[in-house]
């Protein structure tokens, strides 16, 4: 792994774009990496739970609908969450 790869991994893990990796971001990155290596089919199944229309993308509306199964969320909270995790804006 070269410096550029490490820099890219750290940038992806820095969900709030503050230039630092806090404990929550580290945990999320570690769990994601572990899960992808150990259970790639599980990640695909979980993704499909959120991707309600099967488009291959999770929209703000789909995210909100999935999260509201656990607790009510307002549009601002869901949009903020999407901005934090959608690193490439697609």
Protein backbone atom coordinates (compact mmCIF):
# COMPACT_ATOMS: atom_id res chain seq x y z
CA UNK A 1 0.00 0.00 0.00
CA UNK A 2 1.51 3.33 -1.03
CA UNK A 3 1.02 6.80 0.46
CA UNK A 4 -1.65 7.78 -2.07
CA UNK A 5 -3.72 4.68 -1.26
CA UNK A 6 -3.49 5.39 2.46
CA UNK A 7 -4.44 9.04 1.91
CA UNK A 8 -7.47 8.00 -0.16
CA UNK A 9 -8.59 5.50 2.50
CA UNK A 10 -8.28 8.14 5.22
CA UNK A 11 -10.18 10.71 3.15
CA UNK A 12 -13.01 8.23 2.59
CA UNK A 13 -13.14 7.41 6.30
CA UNK A 14 -13.25 11.11 7.29
CA UNK A 15 -17.02 11.38 7.05
CA UNK A 16 -17.29 14.90 8.45
CA UNK A 17 -14.38 16.21 6.34
CA UNK A 18 -12.52 17.74 9.26
CA UNK A 19 -9.18 16.24 8.23
CA UNK A 20 -9.15 13.89 11.21
CA UNK A 21 -10.44 10.40 11.86
CA UNK A 22 -12.38 10.29 15.10
CA UNK A 23 -13.32 7.11 16.96
CA UNK A 24 -16.70 6.76 15.23
CA UNK A 25 -15.16 7.16 11.78
CA UNK A 26 -12.42 4.66 12.63
CA UNK A 27 -14.97 2.16 13.89
CA UNK A 28 -17.16 2.61 10.79
CA UNK A 29 -14.18 2.16 8.47
CA UNK A 30 -12.94 -0.88 10.35
CA UNK A 31 -16.33 -2.55 10.44
CA UNK A 32 -16.87 -1.79 6.74
CA UNK A 33 -13.49 -3.25 5.77
CA UNK A 34 -14.00 -6.32 7.95
CA UNK A 35 -17.51 -6.90 6.63
CA UNK A 36 -16.45 -6.50 3.00
CA UNK A 37 -13.64 -8.99 3.42
CA UNK A 38 -15.57 -11.56 5.41
CA UNK A 39 -19.16 -11.25 4.15
CA UNK A 40 -19.46 -9.55 0.75
CA UNK A 41 -22.86 -11.12 0.07
CA UNK A 42 -24.19 -9.76 3.39
CA UNK A 43 -23.27 -6.22 2.36
CA UNK A 44 -25.07 -6.69 -0.94
CA UNK A 45 -28.20 -7.91 0.84
CA UNK A 46 -28.12 -4.98 3.27
CA UNK A 47 -27.61 -2.54 0.39
CA UNK A 48 -30.68 -3.95 -1.35
CA UNK A 49 -32.75 -3.29 1.80
CA UNK A 50 -31.99 0.42 1.39
CA UNK A 51 -32.06 0.47 -2.44
CA UNK A 52 -35.82 0.08 -2.65
CA UNK A 53 -36.15 0.69 -6.38
CA UNK A 54 -33.20 -1.53 -7.35
CA UNK A 55 -31.39 1.31 -9.13
CA UNK A 56 -28.00 0.52 -7.60
CA UNK A 57 -28.09 3.80 -5.66
CA UNK A 58 -29.61 4.79 -2.32
CA UNK A 59 -31.55 8.04 -2.57
CA UNK A 60 -32.29 10.41 0.30
CA UNK A 61 -35.92 9.26 0.22
CA UNK A 62 -34.94 5.58 0.34
CA UNK A 63 -32.55 6.25 3.22
CA UNK A 64 -35.24 8.14 5.11
CA UNK A 65 -37.81 5.39 4.59
CA UNK A 66 -35.37 2.72 5.82
CA UNK A 67 -34.25 4.71 8.85
CA UNK A 68 -37.80 5.59 9.83
CA UNK A 69 -38.45 1.92 10.44
CA UNK A 70 -36.30 2.39 13.56
CA UNK A 71 -37.24 5.95 14.59
CA UNK A 72 -38.82 9.06 13.05
CA UNK A 73 -36.33 11.28 11.22
CA UNK A 74 -36.81 14.71 9.75
CA UNK A 75 -35.64 15.58 6.24
CA UNK A 76 -32.75 17.71 7.51
CA UNK A 77 -31.26 14.84 9.54
CA UNK A 78 -31.48 12.40 6.65
CA UNK A 79 -30.03 14.89 4.15
CA UNK A 80 -27.17 15.69 6.56
CA UNK A 81 -26.44 11.99 6.98
CA UNK A 82 -26.45 11.51 3.21
CA UNK A 83 -23.99 14.40 2.76
CA UNK A 84 -21.68 12.81 5.32
CA UNK A 85 -21.61 9.35 3.73
CA UNK A 86 -22.00 10.09 0.01
CA UNK A 87 -18.38 10.96 -0.63
CA UNK A 88 -18.65 11.16 -4.43
CA UNK A 89 -22.02 12.89 -4.69
CA UNK A 90 -23.72 10.29 -6.85
